[in-house]
Amino acid sequence: MESKSGDQQLAMLHILYGACSAALNAFRAADNPVDEELVRDLEMMVTRTQGEIEKLAAHLARVAA
């Protein structure tokens, strides 16, 4: 059961990563002044989410082995 739950968590992290990345790309492409704090928060979220994806993926690989 842990694998199914882990796979769901991994999928949610991928969705979060994609949403934050897309928002950052849109803000940058628009070349429109955006709240700098929001951009920093999104950048931190992208970085943190990527780290969480890597940790969870490694954990799931160990469990599956």
N, C-alpha and C. Protein backbone atom coordinates (compact mmCIF):
# COMPACT_ATOMS: atom_id res chain seq x y z
N MET A 1 0.82 -1.19 0.00
CA MET A 1 0.00 0.00 0.00
C MET A 1 0.86 1.26 0.00
N GLU A 2 2.04 1.21 0.63
CA GLU A 2 2.87 2.40 0.72
C GLU A 2 3.25 2.91 -0.67
N SER A 3 3.48 2.00 -1.61
CA SER A 3 3.87 2.42 -2.95
C SER A 3 2.77 3.22 -3.62
N LYS A 4 1.52 2.77 -3.47
CA LYS A 4 0.41 3.50 -4.09
C LYS A 4 0.30 4.90 -3.50
N SER A 5 0.37 5.00 -2.18
CA SER A 5 0.31 6.30 -1.52
C SER A 5 1.51 7.15 -1.93
N GLY A 6 2.67 6.53 -2.00
CA GLY A 6 3.88 7.24 -2.41
C GLY A 6 3.78 7.72 -3.85
N ASP A 7 3.22 6.89 -4.71
CA ASP A 7 3.03 7.29 -6.11
C ASP A 7 2.08 8.48 -6.21
N GLN A 8 1.04 8.48 -5.38
CA GLN A 8 0.10 9.60 -5.37
C GLN A 8 0.79 10.88 -4.87
N GLN A 9 1.59 10.74 -3.84
CA GLN A 9 2.32 11.89 -3.32
C GLN A 9 3.29 12.43 -4.36
N LEU A 10 3.96 11.53 -5.06
CA LEU A 10 4.89 11.93 -6.10
C LEU A 10 4.16 12.66 -7.22
N ALA A 11 3.00 12.16 -7.60
CA ALA A 11 2.21 12.82 -8.64
C ALA A 11 1.80 14.23 -8.21
N MET A 12 1.40 14.38 -6.95
CA MET A 12 1.01 15.70 -6.45
C MET A 12 2.21 16.66 -6.44
N LEU A 13 3.37 16.15 -6.09
CA LEU A 13 4.57 16.99 -6.11
C LEU A 13 4.91 17.43 -7.53
N HIS A 14 4.73 16.53 -8.49
CA HIS A 14 4.98 16.90 -9.89
C HIS A 14 4.00 17.98 -10.35
N ILE A 15 2.75 17.88 -9.93
CA ILE A 15 1.76 18.89 -10.29
C ILE A 15 2.14 20.24 -9.67
N LEU A 16 2.53 20.22 -8.40
CA LEU A 16 2.94 21.45 -7.72
C LEU A 16 4.16 22.07 -8.40
N TYR A 17 5.13 21.23 -8.73
CA TYR A 17 6.34 21.71 -9.41
C TYR A 17 5.98 22.35 -10.75
N GLY A 18 5.13 21.68 -11.52
CA GLY A 18 4.74 22.21 -12.82
C GLY A 18 3.99 23.52 -12.71
N ALA A 19 3.09 23.61 -11.73
CA ALA A 19 2.31 24.84 -11.56
C ALA A 19 3.21 26.02 -11.17
N CYS A 20 4.11 25.80 -10.24
CA CYS A 20 5.01 26.88 -9.82
C CYS A 20 5.96 27.27 -10.94
N SER A 21 6.48 26.29 -11.65
CA SER A 21 7.38 26.58 -12.77
C SER A 21 6.67 27.36 -13.87
N ALA A 22 5.44 26.95 -14.17
CA ALA A 22 4.67 27.63 -15.21
C ALA A 22 4.37 29.07 -14.80
N ALA A 23 4.04 29.29 -13.55
CA ALA A 23 3.77 30.65 -13.07
C ALA A 23 5.02 31.51 -13.19
N LEU A 24 6.16 30.97 -12.79
CA LEU A 24 7.42 31.72 -12.91
C LEU A 24 7.72 32.06 -14.37
N ASN A 25 7.56 31.09 -15.24
CA ASN A 25 7.82 31.34 -16.67
C ASN A 25 6.89 32.41 -17.21
N ALA A 26 5.64 32.38 -16.81
CA ALA A 26 4.68 33.38 -17.29
C ALA A 26 5.04 34.77 -16.79
N PHE A 27 5.41 34.88 -15.53
CA PHE A 27 5.79 36.19 -14.99
C PHE A 27 7.02 36.73 -15.71
N ARG A 28 7.98 35.86 -15.96
CA ARG A 28 9.21 36.31 -16.62
C ARG A 28 8.97 36.64 -18.09
N ALA A 29 8.16 35.87 -18.78
CA ALA A 29 7.89 36.10 -20.20
C ALA A 29 7.10 37.39 -20.41
N ALA A 30 6.24 37.73 -19.47
CA ALA A 30 5.42 38.93 -19.61
C ALA A 30 6.26 40.19 -19.41
N ASP A 31 7.44 40.02 -18.84
CA ASP A 31 8.31 41.15 -18.56
C ASP A 31 7.52 42.26 -17.86
N ASN A 32 6.70 41.82 -16.95
CA ASN A 32 5.81 42.71 -16.23
C ASN A 32 6.26 42.74 -14.77
N PRO A 33 6.36 43.90 -14.20
CA PRO A 33 6.78 43.93 -12.80
C PRO A 33 5.79 43.15 -11.92
N VAL A 34 6.32 42.22 -11.21
CA VAL A 34 5.50 41.38 -10.33
C VAL A 34 6.07 41.55 -8.93
N ASP A 35 5.26 41.32 -7.99
CA ASP A 35 5.69 41.36 -6.60
C ASP A 35 6.95 40.51 -6.45
N GLU A 36 8.06 41.15 -6.10
CA GLU A 36 9.34 40.42 -6.00
C GLU A 36 9.28 39.33 -4.95
N GLU A 37 8.54 39.56 -3.88
CA GLU A 37 8.43 38.54 -2.85
C GLU A 37 7.72 37.30 -3.38
N LEU A 38 6.69 37.50 -4.21
CA LEU A 38 5.98 36.36 -4.81
C LEU A 38 6.93 35.56 -5.70
N VAL A 39 7.73 36.24 -6.50
CA VAL A 39 8.67 35.55 -7.37
C VAL A 39 9.68 34.76 -6.54
N ARG A 40 10.20 35.36 -5.49
CA ARG A 40 11.15 34.64 -4.61
C ARG A 40 10.49 33.42 -3.97
N ASP A 41 9.24 33.60 -3.52
CA ASP A 41 8.52 32.47 -2.93
C ASP A 41 8.34 31.34 -3.94
N LEU A 42 7.98 31.69 -5.17
CA LEU A 42 7.81 30.66 -6.21
C LEU A 42 9.13 29.98 -6.53
N GLU A 43 10.21 30.76 -6.60
CA GLU A 43 11.52 30.17 -6.86
C GLU A 43 11.91 29.19 -5.75
N MET A 44 11.66 29.58 -4.51
CA MET A 44 11.96 28.69 -3.38
C MET A 44 11.08 27.44 -3.44
N MET A 45 9.83 27.61 -3.83
CA MET A 45 8.92 26.47 -3.91
C MET A 45 9.35 25.50 -4.99
N VAL A 46 9.79 26.02 -6.13
CA VAL A 46 10.29 25.15 -7.21
C VAL A 46 11.49 24.35 -6.71
N THR A 47 12.41 25.03 -6.06
CA THR A 47 13.62 24.37 -5.56
C THR A 47 13.27 23.32 -4.50
N ARG A 48 12.43 23.71 -3.57
CA ARG A 48 12.06 22.77 -2.50
C ARG A 48 11.29 21.57 -3.06
N THR A 49 10.37 21.83 -3.97
CA THR A 49 9.57 20.75 -4.54
C THR A 49 10.45 19.78 -5.31
N GLN A 50 11.42 20.30 -6.06
CA GLN A 50 12.33 19.43 -6.79
C GLN A 50 13.09 18.52 -5.81
N GLY A 51 13.53 19.08 -4.71
CA GLY A 51 14.22 18.28 -3.70
C GLY A 51 13.32 17.21 -3.10
N GLU A 52 12.08 17.56 -2.84
CA GLU A 52 11.13 16.59 -2.29
C GLU A 52 10.83 15.48 -3.30
N ILE A 53 10.74 15.84 -4.57
CA ILE A 53 10.52 14.83 -5.63
C ILE A 53 11.69 13.85 -5.65
N GLU A 54 12.90 14.38 -5.59
CA GLU A 54 14.08 13.52 -5.63
C GLU A 54 14.13 12.60 -4.41
N LYS A 55 13.84 13.13 -3.22
CA LYS A 55 13.87 12.31 -2.00
C LYS A 55 12.80 11.22 -2.04
N LEU A 56 11.59 11.60 -2.44
CA LEU A 56 10.50 10.62 -2.47
C LEU A 56 10.74 9.57 -3.54
N ALA A 57 11.23 9.97 -4.69
CA ALA A 57 11.52 9.02 -5.76
C ALA A 57 12.59 8.01 -5.33
N ALA A 58 13.62 8.51 -4.63
CA ALA A 58 14.66 7.61 -4.13
C ALA A 58 14.10 6.65 -3.08
N HIS A 59 13.24 7.15 -2.21
CA HIS A 59 12.62 6.30 -1.20
C HIS A 59 11.76 5.22 -1.86
N LEU A 60 10.95 5.61 -2.83
CA LEU A 60 10.08 4.64 -3.51
C LEU A 60 10.90 3.60 -4.26
N ALA A 61 12.04 4.01 -4.82
CA ALA A 61 12.90 3.05 -5.52
C ALA A 61 13.48 2.03 -4.52
N ARG A 62 13.86 2.49 -3.33
CA ARG A 62 14.38 1.58 -2.31
C ARG A 62 13.31 0.61 -1.84
N VAL A 63 12.09 1.10 -1.65
CA VAL A 63 10.99 0.27 -1.19
C VAL A 63 10.62 -0.78 -2.24
N ALA A 64 10.69 -0.39 -3.50
CA ALA A 64 10.32 -1.30 -4.59
C ALA A 64 11.39 -2.36 -4.83
N ALA A 65 12.62 -2.08 -4.41
CA ALA A 65 13.72 -3.03 -4.66
C ALA A 65 13.67 -4.23 -3.75
